[in-house]
Amino acid sequence: MEIKVLGPLEVRENGVSVAPSASKPRQVLALLALRAGHVVPVPTLMDEIWGDRIPQSAVTTLQTYILQLRRKLSAAHADTGSGRSSKEILATAYGGYLLTREGTDSDAAEFERLAARGSAALEQGDARAAATLLARALGLWRGPALVDVQPGNILGLEVQGLEEARMQVLSQRIDADLRLGRHAVLLRELRVLVAQHPLQETLCGQFMLALYRAGSAWRALEAYQRLRRTLSDELGIEPSPQLKRLHQAMLAGDPALTPEPASLMENFLMTG
């Protein structure tokens, strides 16, 4: 089975799409796909579909959605007459339903594996390997997670978690590129990202660093002041101590900002 959730939902069994077009069965499949290999309890599925307005017919209706999905799985093997049964692929277990992970290719799982390897490489000081691995992880995304699925309470949180992971990996990849001296190439990307995420301090700090190293110190200081005003106007807070230290280092012309980029983010931007 091929599962793709990093963009529009795609679930294929034996090369055949089994994703329903109807909204609620699509929600069910999306949640089962995200948690492939783990039992999703019936109450969780009900919460996803109906929220706090669960009808009296919820159990029967949910069973109908599961039956529809199993029929699509069976149809995917109709021409060959081989493969696992639909009840083996989408099993009933322990008060819920389980989409088996055996033989499953999931873009979310691959993203997680590549991100973990890239993060480890960055921690070990191998910026080149980190940049490559993290870029591969980000390359799996085809748009916002589950962009064509109407999320309920549970999927909404799952999607938020995926998007947060994406932003973390993006920040790490930019960090790796900065360590490799690719500041000039990063400027256009960072300018767009900072405009899209005006409250994101790490991105602003990376943008400042890229500008400074590209010879535009005044633009870097301007970016800091813009973020400071936005944080004050929107949230009533000041920039973090880490970003303030980066700002002060730029004002002082700290030579550590230029020759040895490998430690810059650790010195000025990392919050851990």
C-alpha atoms as a PDB file:
ATOM      1  CA  MET A   1       0.000   0.000   0.000  1.00  0.00           C
ATOM      2  CA  GLU A   2       1.188   3.511  -0.843  1.00  0.00           C
ATOM      3  CA  ILE A   3       0.105   6.283   1.528  1.00  0.00           C
ATOM      4  CA  LYS A   4       0.673   9.976   0.847  1.00  0.00           C
ATOM      5  CA  VAL A   5      -0.526  12.614   3.291  1.00  0.00           C
ATOM      6  CA  LEU A   6       2.081  15.343   2.754  1.00  0.00           C
ATOM      7  CA  GLY A   7      -0.169  17.167   0.321  1.00  0.00           C
ATOM      8  CA  PRO A   8      -3.408  15.842  -1.181  1.00  0.00           C
ATOM      9  CA  LEU A   9      -4.486  12.482   0.268  1.00  0.00           C
ATOM     10  CA  GLU A  10      -3.429   9.511  -1.834  1.00  0.00           C
ATOM     11  CA  VAL A  11      -3.888   5.910  -0.743  1.00  0.00           C
ATOM     12  CA  ARG A  12      -3.212   3.183  -3.281  1.00  0.00           C
ATOM     13  CA  GLU A  13      -3.474  -0.568  -2.858  1.00  0.00           C
ATOM     14  CA  ASN A  14      -2.023  -2.714  -5.601  1.00  0.00           C
ATOM     15  CA  GLY A  15      -1.565   0.492  -7.599  1.00  0.00           C
ATOM     16  CA  VAL A  16      -5.275   1.357  -7.431  1.00  0.00           C
ATOM     17  CA  SER A  17      -6.615   4.401  -5.583  1.00  0.00           C
ATOM     18  CA  VAL A  18      -8.811   3.461  -2.619  1.00  0.00           C
ATOM     19  CA  ALA A  19      -9.414   7.011  -1.371  1.00  0.00           C
ATOM     20  CA  PRO A  20     -13.154   7.802  -1.356  1.00  0.00           C
ATOM     21  CA  SER A  21     -14.462  11.126  -2.615  1.00  0.00           C
ATOM     22  CA  ALA A  22     -17.122  11.502   0.108  1.00  0.00           C
ATOM     23  CA  SER A  23     -15.980  13.773   2.931  1.00  0.00           C
ATOM     24  CA  LYS A  24     -16.519  11.645   6.046  1.00  0.00           C
ATOM     25  CA  PRO A  25     -15.168   8.306   4.725  1.00  0.00           C
ATOM     26  CA  ARG A  26     -12.201  10.331   3.464  1.00  0.00           C
ATOM     27  CA  GLN A  27     -11.634  11.643   6.993  1.00  0.00           C
ATOM     28  CA  VAL A  28     -11.731   8.098   8.340  1.00  0.00           C
ATOM     29  CA  LEU A  29      -9.189   6.862   5.804  1.00  0.00           C
ATOM     30  CA  ALA A  30      -6.924   9.858   6.368  1.00  0.00           C
ATOM     31  CA  LEU A  31      -6.805   9.265  10.118  1.00  0.00           C
ATOM     32  CA  LEU A  32      -6.248   5.527   9.717  1.00  0.00           C
ATOM     33  CA  ALA A  33      -3.502   6.234   7.155  1.00  0.00           C
ATOM     34  CA  LEU A  34      -1.742   8.709   9.419  1.00  0.00           C
ATOM     35  CA  ARG A  35      -1.767   6.155  12.235  1.00  0.00           C
ATOM     36  CA  ALA A  36      -1.034   3.112  10.093  1.00  0.00           C
ATOM     37  CA  GLY A  37       0.113   0.235  12.262  1.00  0.00           C
ATOM     38  CA  HIS A  38      -1.760   1.548  15.303  1.00  0.00           C
ATOM     39  CA  VAL A  39      -5.329   0.929  16.418  1.00  0.00           C
ATOM     40  CA  VAL A  40      -7.565   3.981  16.137  1.00  0.00           C
ATOM     41  CA  PRO A  41     -10.327   3.599  18.768  1.00  0.00           C
ATOM     42  CA  VAL A  42     -13.947   3.970  17.707  1.00  0.00           C
ATOM     43  CA  PRO A  43     -14.491   6.993  20.031  1.00  0.00           C
ATOM     44  CA  THR A  44     -11.532   8.743  18.381  1.00  0.00           C
ATOM     45  CA  LEU A  45     -12.987   8.167  14.926  1.00  0.00           C
ATOM     46  CA  MET A  46     -16.372   9.420  16.101  1.00  0.00           C
ATOM     47  CA  ASP A  47     -14.796  12.540  17.573  1.00  0.00           C
ATOM     48  CA  GLU A  48     -13.050  13.175  14.269  1.00  0.00           C
ATOM     49  CA  ILE A  49     -16.193  12.762  12.193  1.00  0.00           C
ATOM     50  CA  TRP A  50     -18.833  14.390  14.386  1.00  0.00           C
ATOM     51  CA  GLY A  51     -17.056  16.278  17.156  1.00  0.00           C
ATOM     52  CA  ASP A  52     -19.419  16.914  20.068  1.00  0.00           C
ATOM     53  CA  ARG A  53     -22.507  16.225  17.912  1.00  0.00           C
ATOM     54  CA  ILE A  54     -22.315  12.446  17.724  1.00  0.00           C
ATOM     55  CA  PRO A  55     -25.639  11.050  16.432  1.00  0.00           C
ATOM     56  CA  GLN A  56     -27.358   7.974  17.845  1.00  0.00           C
ATOM     57  CA  SER A  57     -26.612   6.142  14.591  1.00  0.00           C
ATOM     58  CA  ALA A  58     -22.854   6.868  14.855  1.00  0.00           C
ATOM     59  CA  VAL A  59     -21.717   3.275  15.396  1.00  0.00           C
ATOM     60  CA  THR A  60     -23.748   1.966  12.458  1.00  0.00           C
ATOM     61  CA  THR A  61     -22.680   4.833  10.221  1.00  0.00           C
ATOM     62  CA  LEU A  62     -19.007   4.346  11.076  1.00  0.00           C
ATOM     63  CA  GLN A  63     -19.311   0.641  10.294  1.00  0.00           C
ATOM     64  CA  THR A  64     -20.776   1.622   6.916  1.00  0.00           C
ATOM     65  CA  TYR A  65     -17.761   3.848   6.209  1.00  0.00           C
ATOM     66  CA  ILE A  66     -15.397   1.006   7.118  1.00  0.00           C
ATOM     67  CA  LEU A  67     -17.349  -1.354   4.846  1.00  0.00           C
ATOM     68  CA  GLN A  68     -17.055   1.128   1.978  1.00  0.00           C
ATOM     69  CA  LEU A  69     -13.295   1.332   2.468  1.00  0.00           C
ATOM     70  CA  ARG A  70     -12.982  -2.446   2.582  1.00  0.00           C
ATOM     71  CA  ARG A  71     -14.939  -2.755  -0.649  1.00  0.00           C
ATOM     72  CA  LYS A  72     -12.495  -0.387  -2.326  1.00  0.00           C
ATOM     73  CA  LEU A  73      -9.595  -2.462  -1.009  1.00  0.00           C
ATOM     74  CA  SER A  74     -11.201  -5.641  -2.332  1.00  0.00           C
ATOM     75  CA  ALA A  75     -11.802  -4.009  -5.709  1.00  0.00           C
ATOM     76  CA  ALA A  76      -8.108  -3.105  -5.903  1.00  0.00           C
ATOM     77  CA  HIS A  77      -7.328  -6.845  -6.074  1.00  0.00           C
ATOM     78  CA  ALA A  78     -10.292  -7.848  -8.228  1.00  0.00           C
ATOM     79  CA  ASP A  79      -8.316  -8.145 -11.439  1.00  0.00           C
ATOM     80  CA  THR A  80      -5.490 -10.202  -9.962  1.00  0.00           C
ATOM     81  CA  GLY A  81      -7.453 -12.293  -7.477  1.00  0.00           C
ATOM     82  CA  SER A  82      -4.436 -12.191  -5.196  1.00  0.00           C
ATOM     83  CA  GLY A  83      -3.158 -10.270  -2.198  1.00  0.00           C
ATOM     84  CA  ARG A  84      -4.388  -9.811   1.342  1.00  0.00           C
ATOM     85  CA  SER A  85      -8.072  -9.691   2.165  1.00  0.00           C
ATOM     86  CA  SER A  86      -9.629  -6.322   2.904  1.00  0.00           C
ATOM     87  CA  LYS A  87     -10.192  -7.373   6.533  1.00  0.00           C
ATOM     88  CA  GLU A  88      -6.488  -8.137   6.874  1.00  0.00           C
ATOM     89  CA  ILE A  89      -5.550  -4.725   5.472  1.00  0.00           C
ATOM     90  CA  LEU A  90      -8.190  -2.804   7.431  1.00  0.00           C
ATOM     91  CA  ALA A  91      -8.680  -4.882  10.557  1.00  0.00           C
ATOM     92  CA  THR A  92     -11.052  -4.639  13.488  1.00  0.00           C
ATOM     93  CA  ALA A  93      -9.037  -4.795  16.703  1.00  0.00           C
ATOM     94  CA  TYR A  94      -9.256  -3.798  20.374  1.00  0.00           C
ATOM     95  CA  GLY A  95     -12.292  -1.546  20.136  1.00  0.00           C
ATOM     96  CA  GLY A  96     -11.170   0.195  17.008  1.00  0.00           C
ATOM     97  CA  TYR A  97      -9.750  -0.207  13.530  1.00  0.00           C
ATOM     98  CA  LEU A  98      -6.226  -0.765  12.296  1.00  0.00           C
ATOM     99  CA  LEU A  99      -4.752  -0.068   8.876  1.00  0.00           C
ATOM    100  CA  THR A 100      -1.898  -2.543   8.690  1.00  0.00           C
ATOM    101  CA  ARG A 101       1.585  -1.124   8.240  1.00  0.00           C
ATOM    102  CA  GLU A 102       3.035  -4.282   6.711  1.00  0.00           C
ATOM    103  CA  GLY A 103       4.042  -3.615   3.119  1.00  0.00           C
ATOM    104  CA  THR A 104       3.091   0.060   3.467  1.00  0.00           C
ATOM    105  CA  ASP A 105       5.043   2.907   1.905  1.00  0.00           C
ATOM    106  CA  SER A 106       4.191   6.141   3.718  1.00  0.00           C
ATOM    107  CA  ASP A 107       5.552   9.562   2.797  1.00  0.00           C
ATOM    108  CA  ALA A 108       5.025  10.752   6.387  1.00  0.00           C
ATOM    109  CA  ALA A 109       7.101   7.860   7.754  1.00  0.00           C
ATOM    110  CA  GLU A 110       9.828   8.494   5.158  1.00  0.00           C
ATOM    111  CA  PHE A 111       9.803  12.197   6.033  1.00  0.00           C
ATOM    112  CA  GLU A 112      10.270  11.314   9.684  1.00  0.00           C
ATOM    113  CA  ARG A 113      13.175   8.945   8.914  1.00  0.00           C
ATOM    114  CA  LEU A 114      15.002  11.441   6.704  1.00  0.00           C
ATOM    115  CA  ALA A 115      14.386  14.283   9.152  1.00  0.00           C
ATOM    116  CA  ALA A 116      15.819  12.249  12.035  1.00  0.00           C
ATOM    117  CA  ARG A 117      18.928  11.351  10.025  1.00  0.00           C
ATOM    118  CA  GLY A 118      19.376  14.948   8.893  1.00  0.00           C
ATOM    119  CA  SER A 119      18.968  16.295  12.415  1.00  0.00           C
ATOM    120  CA  ALA A 120      21.518  13.805  13.720  1.00  0.00           C
ATOM    121  CA  ALA A 121      23.988  14.802  10.998  1.00  0.00           C
ATOM    122  CA  LEU A 122      23.544  18.467  11.901  1.00  0.00           C
ATOM    123  CA  GLU A 123      24.181  17.749  15.574  1.00  0.00           C
ATOM    124  CA  GLN A 124      27.331  15.841  14.604  1.00  0.00           C
ATOM    125  CA  GLY A 125      28.600  18.818  12.583  1.00  0.00           C
ATOM    126  CA  ASP A 126      28.155  17.264   9.141  1.00  0.00           C
ATOM    127  CA  ALA A 127      26.344  20.186   7.522  1.00  0.00           C
ATOM    128  CA  ARG A 128      26.656  18.837   3.989  1.00  0.00           C
ATOM    129  CA  ALA A 129      24.984  15.520   4.794  1.00  0.00           C
ATOM    130  CA  ALA A 130      22.395  17.326   6.906  1.00  0.00           C
ATOM    131  CA  ALA A 131      21.500  19.721   4.102  1.00  0.00           C
ATOM    132  CA  THR A 132      21.070  16.838   1.654  1.00  0.00           C
ATOM    133  CA  LEU A 133      18.962  14.670   3.959  1.00  0.00           C
ATOM    134  CA  LEU A 134      16.761  17.516   5.161  1.00  0.00           C
ATOM    135  CA  ALA A 135      16.205  18.731   1.600  1.00  0.00           C
ATOM    136  CA  ARG A 136      15.135  15.205   0.628  1.00  0.00           C
ATOM    137  CA  ALA A 137      12.686  15.164   3.536  1.00  0.00           C
ATOM    138  CA  LEU A 138      11.179  18.485   2.485  1.00  0.00           C
ATOM    139  CA  GLY A 139      11.011  17.298  -1.124  1.00  0.00           C
ATOM    140  CA  LEU A 140       8.389  14.726  -0.118  1.00  0.00           C
ATOM    141  CA  TRP A 141       5.869  17.509   0.504  1.00  0.00           C
ATOM    142  CA  ARG A 142       3.440  18.230  -2.343  1.00  0.00           C
ATOM    143  CA  GLY A 143       1.570  21.040  -0.589  1.00  0.00           C
ATOM    144  CA  PRO A 144      -0.073  21.511   2.834  1.00  0.00           C
ATOM    145  CA  ALA A 145      -0.683  18.214   4.642  1.00  0.00           C
ATOM    146  CA  LEU A 146      -4.040  16.607   3.736  1.00  0.00           C
ATOM    147  CA  VAL A 147      -5.002  19.757   1.866  1.00  0.00           C
ATOM    148  CA  ASP A 148      -8.019  18.083   0.237  1.00  0.00           C
ATOM    149  CA  VAL A 149      -9.440  16.567   3.442  1.00  0.00           C
ATOM    150  CA  GLN A 150     -11.831  18.499   5.666  1.00  0.00           C
ATOM    151  CA  PRO A 151     -10.298  17.930   9.119  1.00  0.00           C
ATOM    152  CA  GLY A 152     -12.196  17.391  12.362  1.00  0.00           C
ATOM    153  CA  ASN A 153     -10.871  17.693  15.904  1.00  0.00           C
ATOM    154  CA  ILE A 154      -8.306  14.900  15.619  1.00  0.00           C
ATOM    155  CA  LEU A 155      -7.057  15.404  12.069  1.00  0.00           C
ATOM    156  CA  GLY A 156      -6.733  19.123  12.739  1.00  0.00           C
ATOM    157  CA  LEU A 157      -4.200  18.409  15.486  1.00  0.00           C
ATOM    158  CA  GLU A 158      -2.412  15.812  13.358  1.00  0.00           C
ATOM    159  CA  VAL A 159      -2.079  18.251  10.465  1.00  0.00           C
ATOM    160  CA  GLN A 160      -0.831  20.967  12.799  1.00  0.00           C
ATOM    161  CA  GLY A 161       1.821  18.583  14.113  1.00  0.00           C
ATOM    162  CA  LEU A 162       2.944  17.688  10.593  1.00  0.00           C
ATOM    163  CA  GLU A 163       3.199  21.338   9.586  1.00  0.00           C
ATOM    164  CA  GLU A 164       5.187  22.158  12.724  1.00  0.00           C
ATOM    165  CA  ALA A 165       7.564  19.291  11.935  1.00  0.00           C
ATOM    166  CA  ARG A 166       7.916  20.623   8.409  1.00  0.00           C
ATOM    167  CA  MET A 167       8.849  24.079   9.686  1.00  0.00           C
ATOM    168  CA  GLN A 168      11.385  22.597  12.093  1.00  0.00           C
ATOM    169  CA  VAL A 169      13.040  20.602   9.321  1.00  0.00           C
ATOM    170  CA  LEU A 170      13.019  23.655   7.058  1.00  0.00           C
ATOM    171  CA  SER A 171      14.739  25.688   9.760  1.00  0.00           C
ATOM    172  CA  GLN A 172      17.362  22.967  10.230  1.00  0.00           C
ATOM    173  CA  ARG A 173      17.995  22.767   6.498  1.00  0.00           C
ATOM    174  CA  ILE A 174      18.493  26.530   6.317  1.00  0.00           C
ATOM    175  CA  ASP A 175      20.844  26.263   9.302  1.00  0.00           C
ATOM    176  CA  ALA A 176      22.868  23.614   7.465  1.00  0.00           C
ATOM    177  CA  ASP A 177      23.008  25.763   4.326  1.00  0.00           C
ATOM    178  CA  LEU A 178      24.182  28.752   6.361  1.00  0.00           C
ATOM    179  CA  ARG A 179      26.950  26.639   7.843  1.00  0.00           C
ATOM    180  CA  LEU A 180      27.988  25.760   4.305  1.00  0.00           C
ATOM    181  CA  GLY A 181      28.255  29.437   3.365  1.00  0.00           C
ATOM    182  CA  ARG A 182      25.201  29.467   1.095  1.00  0.00           C
ATOM    183  CA  HIS A 183      23.866  32.733   2.494  1.00  0.00           C
ATOM    184  CA  ALA A 184      23.542  34.496  -0.861  1.00  0.00           C
ATOM    185  CA  VAL A 185      21.463  31.665  -2.319  1.00  0.00           C
ATOM    186  CA  LEU A 186      19.210  31.627   0.753  1.00  0.00           C
ATOM    187  CA  LEU A 187      18.257  35.306   0.658  1.00  0.00           C
ATOM    188  CA  ARG A 188      15.312  35.021  -1.728  1.00  0.00           C
ATOM    189  CA  GLU A 189      13.866  31.988   0.057  1.00  0.00           C
ATOM    190  CA  LEU A 190      14.248  33.574   3.479  1.00  0.00           C
ATOM    191  CA  ARG A 191      12.717  36.857   2.357  1.00  0.00           C
ATOM    192  CA  VAL A 192       9.554  34.998   1.311  1.00  0.00           C
ATOM    193  CA  LEU A 193       9.491  32.847   4.461  1.00  0.00           C
ATOM    194  CA  VAL A 194       9.870  35.826   6.778  1.00  0.00           C
ATOM    195  CA  ALA A 195       6.989  37.577   4.998  1.00  0.00           C
ATOM    196  CA  GLN A 196       4.835  34.445   5.350  1.00  0.00           C
ATOM    197  CA  HIS A 197       5.758  33.941   9.021  1.00  0.00           C
ATOM    198  CA  PRO A 198       6.237  37.459  10.445  1.00  0.00           C
ATOM    199  CA  LEU A 199       6.322  36.241  14.068  1.00  0.00           C
ATOM    200  CA  GLN A 200       8.818  33.399  13.529  1.00  0.00           C
ATOM    201  CA  GLU A 201      12.004  34.458  15.316  1.00  0.00           C
ATOM    202  CA  THR A 202      14.256  31.659  14.107  1.00  0.00           C
ATOM    203  CA  LEU A 203      13.527  32.457  10.460  1.00  0.00           C
ATOM    204  CA  CYS A 204      14.108  36.141  11.134  1.00  0.00           C
ATOM    205  CA  GLY A 205      17.440  35.371  12.793  1.00  0.00           C
ATOM    206  CA  GLN A 206      18.505  33.241   9.847  1.00  0.00           C
ATOM    207  CA  PHE A 207      17.445  35.997   7.446  1.00  0.00           C
ATOM    208  CA  MET A 208      19.429  38.532   9.468  1.00  0.00           C
ATOM    209  CA  LEU A 209      22.490  36.317   9.398  1.00  0.00           C
ATOM    210  CA  ALA A 210      22.245  35.722   5.653  1.00  0.00           C
ATOM    211  CA  LEU A 211      21.861  39.453   5.010  1.00  0.00           C
ATOM    212  CA  TYR A 212      24.758  40.334   7.287  1.00  0.00           C
ATOM    213  CA  ARG A 213      27.094  37.838   5.666  1.00  0.00           C
ATOM    214  CA  ALA A 214      25.996  39.011   2.216  1.00  0.00           C
ATOM    215  CA  GLY A 215      27.177  42.527   3.090  1.00  0.00           C
ATOM    216  CA  SER A 216      23.803  44.044   3.966  1.00  0.00           C
ATOM    217  CA  ALA A 217      24.223  44.662   7.674  1.00  0.00           C
ATOM    218  CA  TRP A 218      21.771  47.570   7.653  1.00  0.00           C
ATOM    219  CA  ARG A 219      19.085  45.362   6.114  1.00  0.00           C
ATOM    220  CA  ALA A 220      19.730  42.756   8.793  1.00  0.00           C
ATOM    221  CA  LEU A 221      19.239  45.382  11.513  1.00  0.00           C
ATOM    222  CA  GLU A 222      16.125  46.621   9.740  1.00  0.00           C
ATOM    223  CA  ALA A 223      14.714  43.075   9.725  1.00  0.00           C
ATOM    224  CA  TYR A 224      15.261  42.881  13.481  1.00  0.00           C
ATOM    225  CA  GLN A 225      13.450  46.154  14.125  1.00  0.00           C
ATOM    226  CA  ARG A 226      10.563  45.056  11.915  1.00  0.00           C
ATOM    227  CA  LEU A 227      10.182  41.827  13.885  1.00  0.00           C
ATOM    228  CA  ARG A 228      10.451  43.721  17.175  1.00  0.00           C
ATOM    229  CA  ARG A 229       7.614  46.058  16.162  1.00  0.00           C
ATOM    230  CA  THR A 230       5.463  43.159  14.983  1.00  0.00           C
ATOM    231  CA  LEU A 231       5.965  41.197  18.204  1.00  0.00           C
ATOM    232  CA  SER A 232       5.148  44.276  20.262  1.00  0.00           C
ATOM    233  CA  ASP A 233       2.051  45.185  18.253  1.00  0.00           C
ATOM    234  CA  GLU A 234       0.665  41.656  17.922  1.00  0.00           C
ATOM    235  CA  LEU A 235       1.699  39.994  21.188  1.00  0.00           C
ATOM    236  CA  GLY A 236       3.015  42.712  23.461  1.00  0.00           C
ATOM    237  CA  ILE A 237       6.402  40.987  23.869  1.00  0.00           C
ATOM    238  CA  GLU A 238      10.054  41.598  23.024  1.00  0.00           C
ATOM    239  CA  PRO A 239      12.304  39.399  20.864  1.00  0.00           C
ATOM    240  CA  SER A 240      13.939  36.436  22.576  1.00  0.00           C
ATOM    241  CA  PRO A 241      17.303  36.791  24.369  1.00  0.00           C
ATOM    242  CA  GLN A 242      18.896  34.699  21.610  1.00  0.00           C
ATOM    243  CA  LEU A 243      17.773  37.084  18.890  1.00  0.00           C
ATOM    244  CA  LYS A 244      18.764  40.089  20.981  1.00  0.00           C
ATOM    245  CA  ARG A 245      22.283  38.649  21.289  1.00  0.00           C
ATOM    246  CA  LEU A 246      22.488  38.238  17.526  1.00  0.00           C
ATOM    247  CA  HIS A 247      21.336  41.832  17.083  1.00  0.00           C
ATOM    248  CA  GLN A 248      23.937  43.133  19.545  1.00  0.00           C
ATOM    249  CA  ALA A 249      26.671  41.090  17.868  1.00  0.00           C
ATOM    250  CA  MET A 250      25.806  42.698  14.552  1.00  0.00           C
ATOM    251  CA  LEU A 251      25.797  46.187  16.066  1.00  0.00           C
ATOM    252  CA  ALA A 252      29.235  45.458  17.527  1.00  0.00           C
ATOM    253  CA  GLY A 253      30.551  43.986  14.272  1.00  0.00           C
ATOM    254  CA  ASP A 254      31.439  40.762  16.061  1.00  0.00           C
ATOM    255  CA  PRO A 255      33.997  38.953  13.837  1.00  0.00           C
ATOM    256  CA  ALA A 256      32.557  35.617  14.977  1.00  0.00           C
ATOM    257  CA  LEU A 257      29.579  36.289  12.712  1.00  0.00           C
ATOM    258  CA  THR A 258      31.579  35.922   9.527  1.00  0.00           C
ATOM    259  CA  PRO A 259      34.486  33.465   9.350  1.00  0.00           C
ATOM    260  CA  GLU A 260      33.193  30.379  11.142  1.00  0.00           C
ATOM    261  CA  PRO A 261      29.499  29.876  10.313  1.00  0.00           C
ATOM    262  CA  ALA A 262      29.331  26.360  11.763  1.00  0.00           C
ATOM    263  CA  SER A 263      28.729  27.572  15.305  1.00  0.00           C
ATOM    264  CA  LEU A 264      26.673  30.682  14.673  1.00  0.00           C
ATOM    265  CA  MET A 265      23.215  29.263  15.086  1.00  0.00           C
ATOM    266  CA  GLU A 266      24.285  27.495  18.265  1.00  0.00           C
ATOM    267  CA  ASN A 267      25.701  30.733  19.666  1.00  0.00           C
ATOM    268  CA  PHE A 268      22.898  33.083  18.777  1.00  0.00           C
ATOM    269  CA  LEU A 269      19.713  31.359  17.642  1.00  0.00           C
ATOM    270  CA  MET A 270      19.317  27.976  19.261  1.00  0.00           C
ATOM    271  CA  THR A 271      16.820  27.990  22.102  1.00  0.00           C
ATOM    272  CA  GLY A 272      17.573  24.526  23.485  1.00  0.00           C
END
